[in-house]
Amino acid sequence: MINNSFSFTFGPLLAVAGVGVLILILKWAYKPGGSLVQRPVKPSSSDNYGMLVPIAHPTNYADGERIRQILVDANIRATLAFTVEGPRVMVWPADESIARATLKARPSR
């Protein structure tokens, strides 16, 4: 076995560099606010959804999902939002008149 000054300094430097890389990886993995788990939805007012326009006010989530699915089947982009006033089905302003006409023409249950 050859003992020289290069291996004497290179070994500890390599170990320190390896521990430093592990420290950086663990700091990145455990930083606060970086969770991959989705947070629960917090309701907001219906005017706090940007350009989306509320077109239906269902009484519960299931009715809202049915209405949203009717609109999606008619190729209208729709979303079901949880507001402080209750669930709201919202669409883009360009699709508002078509969505209202689609909902008005749907068969009653």
N, C-alpha and C. Protein backbone atom coordinates (compact mmCIF):
# COMPACT_ATOMS: atom_id res chain seq x y z
N MET A 1 0.84 -1.18 0.00
CA MET A 1 0.00 0.00 0.00
C MET A 1 0.88 1.23 0.00
N ILE A 2 0.52 2.17 -0.83
CA ILE A 2 1.33 3.38 -0.97
C ILE A 2 0.72 4.46 -0.09
N ASN A 3 1.52 5.02 0.76
CA ASN A 3 1.11 6.14 1.59
C ASN A 3 1.77 7.39 1.07
N ASN A 4 0.99 8.27 0.57
CA ASN A 4 1.54 9.56 0.15
C ASN A 4 0.62 10.68 0.63
N SER A 5 1.07 11.89 0.47
CA SER A 5 0.33 13.02 1.00
C SER A 5 -0.98 13.24 0.24
N PHE A 6 -1.05 12.81 -1.03
CA PHE A 6 -2.28 13.00 -1.80
C PHE A 6 -3.43 12.20 -1.20
N SER A 7 -3.23 10.93 -0.92
CA SER A 7 -4.29 10.11 -0.35
C SER A 7 -4.61 10.53 1.08
N PHE A 8 -3.63 11.10 1.77
CA PHE A 8 -3.84 11.54 3.15
C PHE A 8 -4.79 12.74 3.20
N THR A 9 -4.75 13.63 2.21
CA THR A 9 -5.63 14.81 2.19
C THR A 9 -6.90 14.57 1.37
N PHE A 10 -6.79 13.71 0.34
CA PHE A 10 -7.92 13.50 -0.54
C PHE A 10 -9.04 12.72 0.15
N GLY A 11 -8.72 11.74 0.96
CA GLY A 11 -9.72 10.93 1.66
C GLY A 11 -10.63 11.75 2.55
N PRO A 12 -10.09 12.54 3.49
CA PRO A 12 -10.96 13.37 4.34
C PRO A 12 -11.73 14.44 3.56
N LEU A 13 -11.12 15.01 2.53
CA LEU A 13 -11.84 16.00 1.72
C LEU A 13 -13.03 15.37 1.00
N LEU A 14 -12.84 14.16 0.50
CA LEU A 14 -13.93 13.46 -0.16
C LEU A 14 -15.05 13.15 0.84
N ALA A 15 -14.71 12.76 2.05
CA ALA A 15 -15.71 12.48 3.07
C ALA A 15 -16.47 13.74 3.46
N VAL A 16 -15.77 14.86 3.63
CA VAL A 16 -16.43 16.14 3.97
C VAL A 16 -17.35 16.59 2.84
N ALA A 17 -16.90 16.42 1.59
CA ALA A 17 -17.74 16.79 0.46
C ALA A 17 -18.99 15.92 0.40
N GLY A 18 -18.86 14.62 0.68
CA GLY A 18 -20.01 13.72 0.68
C GLY A 18 -21.02 14.09 1.76
N VAL A 19 -20.53 14.41 2.95
CA VAL A 19 -21.42 14.84 4.03
C VAL A 19 -22.09 16.17 3.68
N GLY A 20 -21.35 17.08 3.03
CA GLY A 20 -21.92 18.36 2.61
C GLY A 20 -23.05 18.17 1.61
N VAL A 21 -22.87 17.26 0.66
CA VAL A 21 -23.92 16.98 -0.32
C VAL A 21 -25.15 16.40 0.39
N LEU A 22 -24.94 15.49 1.32
CA LEU A 22 -26.07 14.94 2.07
C LEU A 22 -26.79 16.02 2.87
N ILE A 23 -26.05 16.94 3.47
CA ILE A 23 -26.67 18.04 4.21
C ILE A 23 -27.54 18.89 3.29
N LEU A 24 -27.02 19.22 2.10
CA LEU A 24 -27.80 20.03 1.15
C LEU A 24 -29.06 19.30 0.70
N ILE A 25 -28.96 18.01 0.44
CA ILE A 25 -30.14 17.24 0.02
C ILE A 25 -31.18 17.20 1.13
N LEU A 26 -30.75 16.99 2.38
CA LEU A 26 -31.70 16.93 3.48
C LEU A 26 -32.31 18.30 3.77
N LYS A 27 -31.54 19.37 3.63
CA LYS A 27 -32.11 20.72 3.81
C LYS A 27 -33.19 20.98 2.77
N TRP A 28 -32.92 20.56 1.52
CA TRP A 28 -33.90 20.76 0.45
C TRP A 28 -35.15 19.91 0.71
N ALA A 29 -34.96 18.67 1.16
CA ALA A 29 -36.10 17.76 1.34
C ALA A 29 -36.99 18.17 2.51
N TYR A 30 -36.42 18.78 3.53
CA TYR A 30 -37.19 19.10 4.73
C TYR A 30 -37.45 20.58 4.91
N LYS A 31 -37.32 21.37 3.84
CA LYS A 31 -37.59 22.80 3.99
C LYS A 31 -39.08 23.03 4.22
N PRO A 32 -39.44 24.03 5.01
CA PRO A 32 -40.85 24.28 5.28
C PRO A 32 -41.56 24.84 4.05
N GLY A 33 -42.82 24.47 3.90
CA GLY A 33 -43.63 24.99 2.80
C GLY A 33 -43.42 24.24 1.51
N GLY A 34 -42.65 23.21 1.49
CA GLY A 34 -42.40 22.49 0.26
C GLY A 34 -43.08 21.14 0.22
N SER A 35 -44.20 21.00 0.88
CA SER A 35 -44.88 19.71 0.96
C SER A 35 -45.52 19.35 -0.37
N LEU A 36 -45.49 18.08 -0.70
CA LEU A 36 -46.14 17.59 -1.90
C LEU A 36 -47.59 17.18 -1.63
N VAL A 37 -48.00 17.21 -0.37
CA VAL A 37 -49.37 16.87 0.01
C VAL A 37 -50.24 18.11 -0.18
N GLN A 38 -51.34 17.94 -0.89
CA GLN A 38 -52.22 19.07 -1.17
C GLN A 38 -52.90 19.55 0.10
N ARG A 39 -52.94 20.84 0.27
CA ARG A 39 -53.61 21.43 1.44
C ARG A 39 -55.12 21.43 1.22
N PRO A 40 -55.91 21.42 2.30
CA PRO A 40 -57.36 21.50 2.13
C PRO A 40 -57.77 22.82 1.47
N VAL A 41 -58.83 22.76 0.70
CA VAL A 41 -59.32 23.93 -0.01
C VAL A 41 -59.97 24.89 0.97
N LYS A 42 -59.58 26.16 0.90
CA LYS A 42 -60.20 27.18 1.75
C LYS A 42 -61.22 27.94 0.91
N PRO A 43 -62.47 27.98 1.33
CA PRO A 43 -63.47 28.70 0.55
C PRO A 43 -63.18 30.20 0.54
N SER A 44 -63.58 30.83 -0.56
CA SER A 44 -63.41 32.27 -0.71
C SER A 44 -64.71 32.82 -1.28
N SER A 45 -64.79 34.11 -1.39
CA SER A 45 -66.01 34.69 -1.98
C SER A 45 -66.04 34.42 -3.48
N SER A 46 -67.22 34.41 -4.05
CA SER A 46 -67.36 34.04 -5.46
C SER A 46 -66.73 35.06 -6.41
N ASP A 47 -66.47 36.28 -5.96
CA ASP A 47 -65.82 37.26 -6.83
C ASP A 47 -64.30 37.19 -6.73
N ASN A 48 -63.79 36.22 -6.00
CA ASN A 48 -62.35 36.09 -5.81
C ASN A 48 -61.75 35.01 -6.71
N TYR A 49 -62.41 34.67 -7.80
CA TYR A 49 -61.94 33.62 -8.70
C TYR A 49 -61.53 34.17 -10.06
N GLY A 50 -61.01 35.37 -10.07
CA GLY A 50 -60.50 35.95 -11.31
C GLY A 50 -61.60 36.21 -12.31
N MET A 51 -61.39 35.74 -13.52
CA MET A 51 -62.33 36.00 -14.61
C MET A 51 -63.50 35.02 -14.64
N LEU A 52 -63.47 34.00 -13.83
CA LEU A 52 -64.56 33.02 -13.85
C LEU A 52 -65.87 33.64 -13.38
N VAL A 53 -66.95 33.24 -14.03
CA VAL A 53 -68.27 33.79 -13.76
C VAL A 53 -69.15 32.68 -13.17
N PRO A 54 -69.78 32.92 -12.01
CA PRO A 54 -70.68 31.89 -11.47
C PRO A 54 -71.97 31.84 -12.28
N ILE A 55 -72.37 30.63 -12.67
CA ILE A 55 -73.60 30.50 -13.45
C ILE A 55 -74.63 29.61 -12.77
N ALA A 56 -74.21 28.84 -11.77
CA ALA A 56 -75.16 27.97 -11.07
C ALA A 56 -74.81 27.96 -9.59
N HIS A 57 -75.85 27.85 -8.78
CA HIS A 57 -75.70 27.84 -7.32
C HIS A 57 -76.31 26.56 -6.77
N PRO A 58 -75.63 25.42 -6.92
CA PRO A 58 -76.20 24.16 -6.43
C PRO A 58 -76.25 24.13 -4.91
N THR A 59 -77.12 23.28 -4.39
CA THR A 59 -77.27 23.19 -2.94
C THR A 59 -76.18 22.35 -2.29
N ASN A 60 -75.59 21.41 -3.03
CA ASN A 60 -74.54 20.58 -2.45
C ASN A 60 -73.51 20.22 -3.52
N TYR A 61 -72.46 19.54 -3.10
CA TYR A 61 -71.37 19.20 -4.00
C TYR A 61 -71.82 18.25 -5.11
N ALA A 62 -72.66 17.28 -4.79
CA ALA A 62 -73.09 16.30 -5.78
C ALA A 62 -73.88 16.96 -6.91
N ASP A 63 -74.80 17.86 -6.57
CA ASP A 63 -75.56 18.58 -7.60
C ASP A 63 -74.62 19.45 -8.44
N GLY A 64 -73.68 20.09 -7.79
CA GLY A 64 -72.72 20.92 -8.52
C GLY A 64 -71.88 20.10 -9.47
N GLU A 65 -71.48 18.92 -9.07
CA GLU A 65 -70.69 18.05 -9.95
C GLU A 65 -71.52 17.58 -11.13
N ARG A 66 -72.81 17.30 -10.91
CA ARG A 66 -73.69 16.92 -12.02
C ARG A 66 -73.81 18.05 -13.04
N ILE A 67 -74.00 19.27 -12.54
CA ILE A 67 -74.12 20.43 -13.44
C ILE A 67 -72.82 20.64 -14.19
N ARG A 68 -71.70 20.54 -13.49
CA ARG A 68 -70.40 20.72 -14.14
C ARG A 68 -70.20 19.67 -15.23
N GLN A 69 -70.61 18.43 -14.96
CA GLN A 69 -70.43 17.36 -15.94
C GLN A 69 -71.31 17.59 -17.17
N ILE A 70 -72.50 18.14 -16.99
CA ILE A 70 -73.36 18.48 -18.14
C ILE A 70 -72.65 19.49 -19.03
N LEU A 71 -72.03 20.49 -18.41
CA LEU A 71 -71.32 21.50 -19.18
C LEU A 71 -70.08 20.92 -19.86
N VAL A 72 -69.35 20.07 -19.17
CA VAL A 72 -68.16 19.45 -19.77
C VAL A 72 -68.55 18.57 -20.94
N ASP A 73 -69.66 17.85 -20.82
CA ASP A 73 -70.14 17.02 -21.93
C ASP A 73 -70.52 17.86 -23.14
N ALA A 74 -70.90 19.12 -22.91
CA ALA A 74 -71.24 20.04 -24.01
C ALA A 74 -70.00 20.82 -24.47
N ASN A 75 -68.81 20.38 -24.07
CA ASN A 75 -67.53 21.01 -24.44
C ASN A 75 -67.42 22.45 -23.94
N ILE A 76 -67.93 22.69 -22.75
CA ILE A 76 -67.82 23.99 -22.10
C ILE A 76 -66.90 23.82 -20.90
N ARG A 77 -65.88 24.65 -20.83
CA ARG A 77 -64.94 24.57 -19.70
C ARG A 77 -65.62 25.09 -18.45
N ALA A 78 -65.75 24.22 -17.45
CA ALA A 78 -66.45 24.59 -16.21
C ALA A 78 -65.68 24.05 -15.01
N THR A 79 -65.85 24.72 -13.89
CA THR A 79 -65.23 24.26 -12.65
C THR A 79 -66.22 24.42 -11.50
N LEU A 80 -66.06 23.57 -10.50
CA LEU A 80 -66.89 23.64 -9.31
C LEU A 80 -66.04 24.24 -8.21
N ALA A 81 -66.44 25.41 -7.73
CA ALA A 81 -65.66 26.13 -6.71
C ALA A 81 -66.41 26.14 -5.39
N PHE A 82 -65.64 26.04 -4.32
CA PHE A 82 -66.21 26.10 -2.97
C PHE A 82 -66.08 27.53 -2.47
N THR A 83 -67.19 28.23 -2.37
CA THR A 83 -67.18 29.61 -1.90
C THR A 83 -67.80 29.67 -0.51
N VAL A 84 -67.67 30.83 0.12
CA VAL A 84 -68.27 30.99 1.45
C VAL A 84 -69.80 31.02 1.35
N GLU A 85 -70.33 31.29 0.16
CA GLU A 85 -71.77 31.27 -0.05
C GLU A 85 -72.28 29.87 -0.39
N GLY A 86 -71.38 28.91 -0.53
CA GLY A 86 -71.74 27.55 -0.92
C GLY A 86 -71.07 27.20 -2.24
N PRO A 87 -71.32 26.00 -2.76
CA PRO A 87 -70.68 25.63 -4.02
C PRO A 87 -71.22 26.45 -5.19
N ARG A 88 -70.33 26.77 -6.13
CA ARG A 88 -70.70 27.52 -7.33
C ARG A 88 -70.07 26.86 -8.54
N VAL A 89 -70.85 26.73 -9.61
CA VAL A 89 -70.32 26.25 -10.89
C VAL A 89 -69.92 27.49 -11.67
N MET A 90 -68.66 27.53 -12.11
CA MET A 90 -68.14 28.72 -12.77
C MET A 90 -67.60 28.38 -14.15
N VAL A 91 -67.76 29.34 -15.06
CA VAL A 91 -67.27 29.19 -16.43
C VAL A 91 -66.54 30.48 -16.83
N TRP A 92 -65.85 30.42 -17.96
CA TRP A 92 -65.19 31.61 -18.50
C TRP A 92 -66.24 32.53 -19.11
N PRO A 93 -65.99 33.84 -19.12
CA PRO A 93 -66.97 34.79 -19.66
C PRO A 93 -67.37 34.51 -21.11
N ALA A 94 -66.45 34.00 -21.91
CA ALA A 94 -66.78 33.71 -23.31
C ALA A 94 -67.78 32.56 -23.43
N ASP A 95 -67.82 31.68 -22.45
CA ASP A 95 -68.72 30.53 -22.48
C ASP A 95 -69.99 30.74 -21.66
N GLU A 96 -70.17 31.91 -21.07
CA GLU A 96 -71.28 32.13 -20.14
C GLU A 96 -72.64 31.97 -20.80
N SER A 97 -72.86 32.60 -21.93
CA SER A 97 -74.19 32.54 -22.57
C SER A 97 -74.49 31.13 -23.06
N ILE A 98 -73.49 30.45 -23.60
CA ILE A 98 -73.70 29.07 -24.07
C ILE A 98 -73.99 28.15 -22.88
N ALA A 99 -73.29 28.36 -21.77
CA ALA A 99 -73.49 27.53 -20.59
C ALA A 99 -74.88 27.73 -20.00
N ARG A 100 -75.32 28.99 -19.93
CA ARG A 100 -76.67 29.25 -19.40
C ARG A 100 -77.74 28.63 -20.30
N ALA A 101 -77.55 28.71 -21.61
CA ALA A 101 -78.51 28.11 -22.54
C ALA A 101 -78.49 26.59 -22.42
N THR A 102 -77.32 26.01 -22.24
CA THR A 102 -77.22 24.55 -22.07
C THR A 102 -77.93 24.09 -20.80
N LEU A 103 -77.76 24.83 -19.73
CA LEU A 103 -78.40 24.45 -18.46
C LEU A 103 -79.91 24.67 -18.52
N LYS A 104 -80.33 25.70 -19.25
CA LYS A 104 -81.78 25.97 -19.38
C LYS A 104 -82.46 24.89 -20.22
N ALA A 105 -81.72 24.34 -21.21
CA ALA A 105 -82.31 23.34 -22.11
C ALA A 105 -82.20 21.92 -21.57
N ARG A 106 -81.53 21.71 -20.45
CA ARG A 106 -81.36 20.36 -19.93
C ARG A 106 -82.68 19.81 -19.41
N PRO A 107 -82.87 18.50 -19.52
CA PRO A 107 -84.12 17.92 -19.01
C PRO A 107 -84.12 17.95 -17.49
N SER A 108 -85.28 18.18 -16.92
CA SER A 108 -85.39 18.19 -15.47
C SER A 108 -85.40 16.76 -14.95
N ARG A 109 -84.92 16.59 -13.70
CA ARG A 109 -84.82 15.24 -13.14
C ARG A 109 -86.14 14.76 -12.64
